[in-house]
Amino acid sequence: MTKSTHEPYDELCFSVYTTNRYFHRLYSKILSQYELTYLQYMVLIVVRNEKQTSLSTICSKLDLANNTLTPVIQKLVNKNWLVKKKGS
């Protein structure tokens, strides 16, 4: 019986995971000058594309829960990146 060695690098999921980490590192370096996190940046992209939007729309677009994005959005409001208005 031949023993097969199976390294993590042989897996597609490991390659995707590693690539994702490198992109986060790159974005982190770029966004640090604006004092933004990658997630804050992603929220800003959604808002820019939607002009005016709701928390539920942002959650849906980013596939994240309301309780995950609420503090992120609050930080963006505190940093004057976003203006929060009551829904009508």
C-alpha atoms as a PDB file:
ATOM      1  CA  MET A   1       0.000   0.000   0.000  1.00  0.00           C
ATOM      2  CA  THR A   2       1.388   3.392  -0.977  1.00  0.00           C
ATOM      3  CA  LYS A   3       1.051   6.235   1.481  1.00  0.00           C
ATOM      4  CA  SER A   4       0.029   9.455  -0.220  1.00  0.00           C
ATOM      5  CA  THR A   5       1.197  12.727   1.226  1.00  0.00           C
ATOM      6  CA  HIS A   6      -1.425  15.389   1.110  1.00  0.00           C
ATOM      7  CA  GLU A   7      -0.167  18.864   1.825  1.00  0.00           C
ATOM      8  CA  PRO A   8      -2.404  21.868   2.603  1.00  0.00           C
ATOM      9  CA  TYR A   9      -1.001  23.599  -0.481  1.00  0.00           C
ATOM     10  CA  ASP A  10      -2.625  20.889  -2.615  1.00  0.00           C
ATOM     11  CA  GLU A  11      -6.080  22.063  -1.597  1.00  0.00           C
ATOM     12  CA  LEU A  12      -7.901  24.772  -3.534  1.00  0.00           C
ATOM     13  CA  CYS A  13      -9.513  26.059  -0.328  1.00  0.00           C
ATOM     14  CA  PHE A  14      -6.068  26.667   1.172  1.00  0.00           C
ATOM     15  CA  SER A  15      -5.055  28.703  -1.884  1.00  0.00           C
ATOM     16  CA  VAL A  16      -8.222  30.773  -1.682  1.00  0.00           C
ATOM     17  CA  TYR A  17      -7.731  31.284   2.055  1.00  0.00           C
ATOM     18  CA  THR A  18      -4.099  32.368   1.588  1.00  0.00           C
ATOM     19  CA  THR A  19      -4.952  34.715  -1.274  1.00  0.00           C
ATOM     20  CA  ASN A  20      -7.722  36.252   0.818  1.00  0.00           C
ATOM     21  CA  ARG A  21      -5.275  36.861   3.694  1.00  0.00           C
ATOM     22  CA  TYR A  22      -2.832  38.591   1.343  1.00  0.00           C
ATOM     23  CA  PHE A  23      -5.571  40.825  -0.063  1.00  0.00           C
ATOM     24  CA  HIS A  24      -6.641  41.772   3.475  1.00  0.00           C
ATOM     25  CA  ARG A  25      -3.046  42.619   4.338  1.00  0.00           C
ATOM     26  CA  LEU A  26      -2.706  44.759   1.211  1.00  0.00           C
ATOM     27  CA  TYR A  27      -5.968  46.585   1.860  1.00  0.00           C
ATOM     28  CA  SER A  28      -4.994  47.053   5.483  1.00  0.00           C
ATOM     29  CA  LYS A  29      -1.826  48.874   4.455  1.00  0.00           C
ATOM     30  CA  ILE A  30      -3.690  51.039   1.962  1.00  0.00           C
ATOM     31  CA  LEU A  31      -6.628  51.813   4.257  1.00  0.00           C
ATOM     32  CA  SER A  32      -4.568  52.533   7.350  1.00  0.00           C
ATOM     33  CA  GLN A  33      -3.835  56.055   6.135  1.00  0.00           C
ATOM     34  CA  TYR A  34      -7.594  56.705   6.258  1.00  0.00           C
ATOM     35  CA  GLU A  35      -8.003  54.860   9.567  1.00  0.00           C
ATOM     36  CA  LEU A  36     -10.442  52.454   7.944  1.00  0.00           C
ATOM     37  CA  THR A  37     -10.779  48.713   8.260  1.00  0.00           C
ATOM     38  CA  TYR A  38     -11.471  46.482   5.292  1.00  0.00           C
ATOM     39  CA  LEU A  39     -15.050  45.934   6.490  1.00  0.00           C
ATOM     40  CA  GLN A  40     -15.617  49.677   6.878  1.00  0.00           C
ATOM     41  CA  TYR A  41     -14.307  50.124   3.340  1.00  0.00           C
ATOM     42  CA  MET A  42     -16.703  47.469   2.034  1.00  0.00           C
ATOM     43  CA  VAL A  43     -19.618  49.249   3.735  1.00  0.00           C
ATOM     44  CA  LEU A  44     -18.571  52.515   2.093  1.00  0.00           C
ATOM     45  CA  ILE A  45     -18.508  50.835  -1.321  1.00  0.00           C
ATOM     46  CA  VAL A  46     -22.052  49.540  -0.851  1.00  0.00           C
ATOM     47  CA  VAL A  47     -23.273  52.967   0.299  1.00  0.00           C
ATOM     48  CA  ARG A  48     -21.528  54.711  -2.599  1.00  0.00           C
ATOM     49  CA  ASN A  49     -23.154  52.389  -5.119  1.00  0.00           C
ATOM     50  CA  GLU A  50     -26.593  52.684  -3.522  1.00  0.00           C
ATOM     51  CA  LYS A  51     -26.448  56.446  -2.721  1.00  0.00           C
ATOM     52  CA  GLN A  52     -29.033  56.170   0.078  1.00  0.00           C
ATOM     53  CA  THR A  53     -29.560  52.780   1.583  1.00  0.00           C
ATOM     54  CA  SER A  54     -30.673  50.945   4.689  1.00  0.00           C
ATOM     55  CA  LEU A  55     -28.812  48.798   7.161  1.00  0.00           C
ATOM     56  CA  SER A  56     -30.707  45.726   5.952  1.00  0.00           C
ATOM     57  CA  THR A  57     -29.613  46.386   2.350  1.00  0.00           C
ATOM     58  CA  ILE A  58     -25.978  46.752   3.396  1.00  0.00           C
ATOM     59  CA  CYS A  59     -26.241  43.535   5.429  1.00  0.00           C
ATOM     60  CA  SER A  60     -27.737  41.733   2.463  1.00  0.00           C
ATOM     61  CA  LYS A  61     -25.102  42.969   0.008  1.00  0.00           C
ATOM     62  CA  LEU A  62     -22.228  41.997   2.320  1.00  0.00           C
ATOM     63  CA  ASP A  63     -23.931  38.810   3.560  1.00  0.00           C
ATOM     64  CA  LEU A  64     -23.462  39.854   7.187  1.00  0.00           C
ATOM     65  CA  ALA A  65     -25.806  40.120  10.156  1.00  0.00           C
ATOM     66  CA  ASN A  66     -27.276  43.355  11.458  1.00  0.00           C
ATOM     67  CA  ASN A  67     -25.485  43.007  14.808  1.00  0.00           C
ATOM     68  CA  THR A  68     -22.156  42.644  12.972  1.00  0.00           C
ATOM     69  CA  LEU A  69     -22.544  45.813  10.913  1.00  0.00           C
ATOM     70  CA  THR A  70     -24.232  48.106  13.422  1.00  0.00           C
ATOM     71  CA  PRO A  71     -20.986  48.920  15.311  1.00  0.00           C
ATOM     72  CA  VAL A  72     -19.092  49.217  12.015  1.00  0.00           C
ATOM     73  CA  ILE A  73     -21.586  51.736  10.684  1.00  0.00           C
ATOM     74  CA  GLN A  74     -21.608  53.613  13.991  1.00  0.00           C
ATOM     75  CA  LYS A  75     -17.816  53.992  13.788  1.00  0.00           C
ATOM     76  CA  LEU A  76     -18.139  55.318  10.226  1.00  0.00           C
ATOM     77  CA  VAL A  77     -20.739  57.827  11.428  1.00  0.00           C
ATOM     78  CA  ASN A  78     -18.446  58.883  14.305  1.00  0.00           C
ATOM     79  CA  LYS A  79     -15.569  59.356  11.835  1.00  0.00           C
ATOM     80  CA  ASN A  80     -17.853  61.455   9.578  1.00  0.00           C
ATOM     81  CA  TRP A  81     -17.640  58.986   6.698  1.00  0.00           C
ATOM     82  CA  LEU A  82     -21.411  58.410   6.815  1.00  0.00           C
ATOM     83  CA  VAL A  83     -24.489  60.360   7.794  1.00  0.00           C
ATOM     84  CA  LYS A  84     -27.158  58.302   9.481  1.00  0.00           C
ATOM     85  CA  LYS A  85     -30.797  59.316   9.005  1.00  0.00           C
ATOM     86  CA  LYS A  86     -33.965  57.851  10.451  1.00  0.00           C
ATOM     87  CA  GLY A  87     -35.964  55.794   7.956  1.00  0.00           C
ATOM     88  CA  SER A  88     -39.222  57.192   6.727  1.00  0.00           C
END
